[in-house]
N, C-alpha and C. Protein backbone atom coordinates (compact mmCIF):
# COMPACT_ATOMS: atom_id res chain seq x y z
N MET A 1 -31.53 78.11 -49.30
CA MET A 1 -32.05 79.47 -49.21
C MET A 1 -30.90 80.37 -48.78
N LYS A 2 -30.75 81.44 -49.50
CA LYS A 2 -29.71 82.42 -49.21
C LYS A 2 -30.24 83.43 -48.20
N THR A 3 -29.39 83.83 -47.25
CA THR A 3 -29.77 84.81 -46.24
C THR A 3 -28.89 86.04 -46.37
N VAL A 4 -29.51 87.22 -46.38
CA VAL A 4 -28.77 88.48 -46.46
C VAL A 4 -29.35 89.47 -45.46
N GLY A 5 -28.52 90.39 -45.02
CA GLY A 5 -28.98 91.45 -44.13
C GLY A 5 -29.73 92.52 -44.90
N ALA A 6 -30.48 93.35 -44.18
CA ALA A 6 -31.29 94.39 -44.81
C ALA A 6 -30.43 95.39 -45.57
N PHE A 7 -29.30 95.79 -44.98
CA PHE A 7 -28.43 96.75 -45.66
C PHE A 7 -27.89 96.18 -46.96
N GLU A 8 -27.43 94.93 -46.90
CA GLU A 8 -26.92 94.28 -48.11
C GLU A 8 -28.02 94.13 -49.15
N ALA A 9 -29.23 93.81 -48.72
CA ALA A 9 -30.35 93.68 -49.64
C ALA A 9 -30.63 95.00 -50.34
N LYS A 10 -30.54 96.09 -49.58
CA LYS A 10 -30.79 97.40 -50.15
C LYS A 10 -29.73 97.77 -51.17
N THR A 11 -28.48 97.49 -50.85
CA THR A 11 -27.39 97.89 -51.75
C THR A 11 -27.24 96.97 -52.96
N HIS A 12 -27.73 95.74 -52.87
CA HIS A 12 -27.58 94.78 -53.97
C HIS A 12 -28.93 94.28 -54.48
N LEU A 13 -29.94 95.14 -54.43
CA LEU A 13 -31.29 94.74 -54.79
C LEU A 13 -31.39 94.17 -56.21
N ALA A 14 -30.78 94.81 -57.17
CA ALA A 14 -30.87 94.34 -58.57
C ALA A 14 -30.33 92.92 -58.69
N GLU A 15 -29.22 92.65 -58.05
CA GLU A 15 -28.61 91.32 -58.11
C GLU A 15 -29.52 90.29 -57.42
N LEU A 16 -30.08 90.65 -56.29
CA LEU A 16 -30.97 89.74 -55.57
C LEU A 16 -32.24 89.46 -56.37
N LEU A 17 -32.77 90.49 -57.04
CA LEU A 17 -33.95 90.29 -57.89
C LEU A 17 -33.65 89.33 -59.03
N GLN A 18 -32.47 89.43 -59.59
CA GLN A 18 -32.07 88.52 -60.67
C GLN A 18 -32.00 87.09 -60.14
N GLN A 19 -31.40 86.91 -58.97
CA GLN A 19 -31.30 85.58 -58.38
C GLN A 19 -32.69 85.01 -58.07
N ALA A 20 -33.58 85.85 -57.55
CA ALA A 20 -34.94 85.41 -57.26
C ALA A 20 -35.68 85.02 -58.53
N SER A 21 -35.48 85.77 -59.61
CA SER A 21 -36.14 85.45 -60.87
C SER A 21 -35.65 84.12 -61.45
N GLU A 22 -34.46 83.70 -61.03
CA GLU A 22 -33.91 82.42 -61.47
C GLU A 22 -34.34 81.27 -60.57
N GLY A 23 -35.18 81.57 -59.57
CA GLY A 23 -35.74 80.52 -58.74
C GLY A 23 -35.17 80.41 -57.34
N GLU A 24 -34.18 81.21 -57.00
CA GLU A 24 -33.60 81.15 -55.66
C GLU A 24 -34.47 81.92 -54.67
N THR A 25 -34.58 81.40 -53.47
CA THR A 25 -35.31 82.08 -52.40
C THR A 25 -34.30 82.79 -51.52
N ILE A 26 -34.58 84.06 -51.21
CA ILE A 26 -33.65 84.87 -50.43
C ILE A 26 -34.36 85.36 -49.18
N LEU A 27 -33.78 85.07 -48.02
CA LEU A 27 -34.32 85.50 -46.74
C LEU A 27 -33.60 86.77 -46.32
N ILE A 28 -34.37 87.82 -46.04
CA ILE A 28 -33.78 89.10 -45.64
C ILE A 28 -33.97 89.26 -44.13
N THR A 29 -32.87 89.57 -43.45
CA THR A 29 -32.90 89.70 -42.00
C THR A 29 -32.55 91.13 -41.58
N ARG A 30 -33.02 91.49 -40.41
CA ARG A 30 -32.63 92.76 -39.79
C ARG A 30 -32.06 92.41 -38.43
N ARG A 31 -30.77 92.64 -38.27
CA ARG A 31 -30.06 92.29 -37.04
C ARG A 31 -30.23 90.82 -36.69
N GLY A 32 -30.19 89.97 -37.72
CA GLY A 32 -30.28 88.53 -37.52
C GLY A 32 -31.69 87.97 -37.40
N VAL A 33 -32.69 88.83 -37.40
CA VAL A 33 -34.09 88.39 -37.28
C VAL A 33 -34.73 88.40 -38.66
N PRO A 34 -35.28 87.27 -39.13
CA PRO A 34 -35.91 87.24 -40.45
C PRO A 34 -37.09 88.22 -40.52
N VAL A 35 -37.12 89.04 -41.58
CA VAL A 35 -38.19 90.01 -41.74
C VAL A 35 -38.90 89.89 -43.09
N ALA A 36 -38.25 89.29 -44.08
CA ALA A 36 -38.88 89.18 -45.40
C ALA A 36 -38.26 88.03 -46.18
N LYS A 37 -39.02 87.57 -47.19
CA LYS A 37 -38.54 86.51 -48.05
C LYS A 37 -38.76 86.96 -49.49
N LEU A 38 -37.73 86.89 -50.29
CA LEU A 38 -37.80 87.29 -51.69
C LEU A 38 -37.88 86.03 -52.54
N VAL A 39 -39.02 85.87 -53.25
CA VAL A 39 -39.24 84.68 -54.08
C VAL A 39 -39.80 85.11 -55.42
N THR A 40 -39.76 84.22 -56.38
CA THR A 40 -40.33 84.47 -57.69
C THR A 40 -41.85 84.50 -57.60
N VAL A 41 -42.47 85.43 -58.28
CA VAL A 41 -43.93 85.50 -58.32
C VAL A 41 -44.46 84.26 -59.03
N GLY A 42 -45.52 83.69 -58.48
CA GLY A 42 -46.10 82.50 -59.10
C GLY A 42 -45.34 81.24 -58.79
N HIS A 43 -44.40 81.32 -57.86
CA HIS A 43 -43.61 80.16 -57.47
C HIS A 43 -43.88 79.85 -56.01
N PRO A 44 -45.03 79.22 -55.70
CA PRO A 44 -45.37 78.96 -54.31
C PRO A 44 -44.41 77.95 -53.69
N GLU A 45 -44.22 78.09 -52.40
CA GLU A 45 -43.37 77.14 -51.70
C GLU A 45 -44.06 75.80 -51.66
N ARG A 46 -43.29 74.78 -51.81
CA ARG A 46 -43.82 73.42 -51.71
C ARG A 46 -43.55 72.92 -50.30
N HIS A 47 -44.59 72.41 -49.66
CA HIS A 47 -44.44 71.86 -48.32
C HIS A 47 -44.62 70.36 -48.40
N ASP A 48 -43.82 69.66 -47.64
CA ASP A 48 -43.93 68.22 -47.55
C ASP A 48 -45.23 67.90 -46.81
N LEU A 49 -46.12 67.15 -47.43
CA LEU A 49 -47.42 66.85 -46.86
C LEU A 49 -47.30 66.13 -45.52
N LYS A 50 -46.39 65.20 -45.43
CA LYS A 50 -46.21 64.47 -44.17
C LYS A 50 -45.76 65.41 -43.05
N GLU A 51 -44.93 66.36 -43.38
CA GLU A 51 -44.46 67.34 -42.39
C GLU A 51 -45.61 68.24 -41.93
N VAL A 52 -46.47 68.64 -42.85
CA VAL A 52 -47.63 69.48 -42.51
C VAL A 52 -48.58 68.72 -41.57
N VAL A 53 -48.86 67.47 -41.90
CA VAL A 53 -49.74 66.65 -41.06
C VAL A 53 -49.12 66.46 -39.68
N ARG A 54 -47.83 66.20 -39.61
CA ARG A 54 -47.15 66.03 -38.34
C ARG A 54 -47.26 67.31 -37.50
N SER A 55 -47.08 68.46 -38.14
CA SER A 55 -47.18 69.74 -37.43
C SER A 55 -48.59 69.97 -36.89
N LEU A 56 -49.60 69.65 -37.69
CA LEU A 56 -50.99 69.82 -37.23
C LEU A 56 -51.29 68.90 -36.05
N ARG A 57 -50.81 67.68 -36.11
CA ARG A 57 -51.03 66.76 -34.99
C ARG A 57 -50.33 67.25 -33.73
N GLU A 58 -49.16 67.83 -33.89
CA GLU A 58 -48.42 68.36 -32.75
C GLU A 58 -49.19 69.53 -32.11
N ILE A 59 -49.77 70.38 -32.93
CA ILE A 59 -50.54 71.52 -32.43
C ILE A 59 -51.77 71.03 -31.68
N ARG A 60 -52.42 70.00 -32.20
CA ARG A 60 -53.66 69.49 -31.60
C ARG A 60 -53.45 68.78 -30.28
N LYS A 61 -52.23 68.36 -29.97
CA LYS A 61 -51.98 67.60 -28.74
C LYS A 61 -52.45 68.33 -27.50
N GLY A 62 -52.26 69.62 -27.43
CA GLY A 62 -52.64 70.37 -26.25
C GLY A 62 -54.07 70.89 -26.25
N ALA A 63 -54.81 70.65 -27.31
CA ALA A 63 -56.18 71.20 -27.41
C ALA A 63 -57.15 70.32 -26.63
N ARG A 64 -57.78 70.92 -25.63
CA ARG A 64 -58.77 70.21 -24.81
C ARG A 64 -60.00 71.09 -24.63
N LEU A 65 -61.15 70.48 -24.49
CA LEU A 65 -62.39 71.24 -24.32
C LEU A 65 -62.63 71.63 -22.86
N LYS A 66 -61.99 70.96 -21.91
CA LYS A 66 -62.09 71.27 -20.48
C LYS A 66 -63.54 71.35 -20.01
N GLY A 67 -64.32 70.31 -20.26
CA GLY A 67 -65.69 70.26 -19.78
C GLY A 67 -66.72 70.86 -20.72
N THR A 68 -66.31 71.55 -21.74
CA THR A 68 -67.24 72.14 -22.70
C THR A 68 -67.72 71.05 -23.65
N THR A 69 -69.03 71.01 -23.88
CA THR A 69 -69.57 70.00 -24.79
C THR A 69 -69.56 70.52 -26.22
N LEU A 70 -69.65 69.58 -27.13
CA LEU A 70 -69.72 69.95 -28.54
C LEU A 70 -70.96 70.79 -28.81
N ARG A 71 -72.08 70.45 -28.18
CA ARG A 71 -73.32 71.20 -28.37
C ARG A 71 -73.14 72.66 -27.94
N GLU A 72 -72.44 72.91 -26.83
CA GLU A 72 -72.19 74.27 -26.36
C GLU A 72 -71.36 75.06 -27.38
N LEU A 73 -70.38 74.40 -27.97
CA LEU A 73 -69.57 75.07 -28.99
C LEU A 73 -70.40 75.42 -30.22
N ILE A 74 -71.27 74.50 -30.63
CA ILE A 74 -72.13 74.76 -31.79
C ILE A 74 -73.05 75.93 -31.50
N ASN A 75 -73.68 75.92 -30.32
CA ASN A 75 -74.58 77.01 -29.96
C ASN A 75 -73.85 78.34 -29.84
N GLU A 76 -72.64 78.32 -29.34
CA GLU A 76 -71.83 79.55 -29.23
C GLU A 76 -71.59 80.14 -30.62
N GLY A 77 -71.36 79.28 -31.60
CA GLY A 77 -71.13 79.75 -32.97
C GLY A 77 -72.38 80.32 -33.61
N ARG A 78 -73.54 79.94 -33.11
CA ARG A 78 -74.81 80.42 -33.67
C ARG A 78 -75.31 81.70 -33.02
N ARG A 79 -74.61 82.20 -32.04
CA ARG A 79 -75.07 83.38 -31.32
C ARG A 79 -75.28 84.59 -32.20
N TYR A 80 -74.48 84.75 -33.21
CA TYR A 80 -74.53 85.98 -33.99
C TYR A 80 -75.22 85.74 -35.28
């Protein structure tokens, strides 16, 4: 993935659009902070399934009900 600053992206937009249409992904930053990603339309990012599952398991590690029962959660969802 190519990374460019916002000013460079503005001044070389036509060139970056051509590169994106050829399949390259371009990350645009402002003062080093990522703010946008330029990709081809209809070209979704492919994620490694094992990596996604690992990330979900990592997120779930800290999730605890802290004394709340499943029935209480179900009833809370039915309030409205």
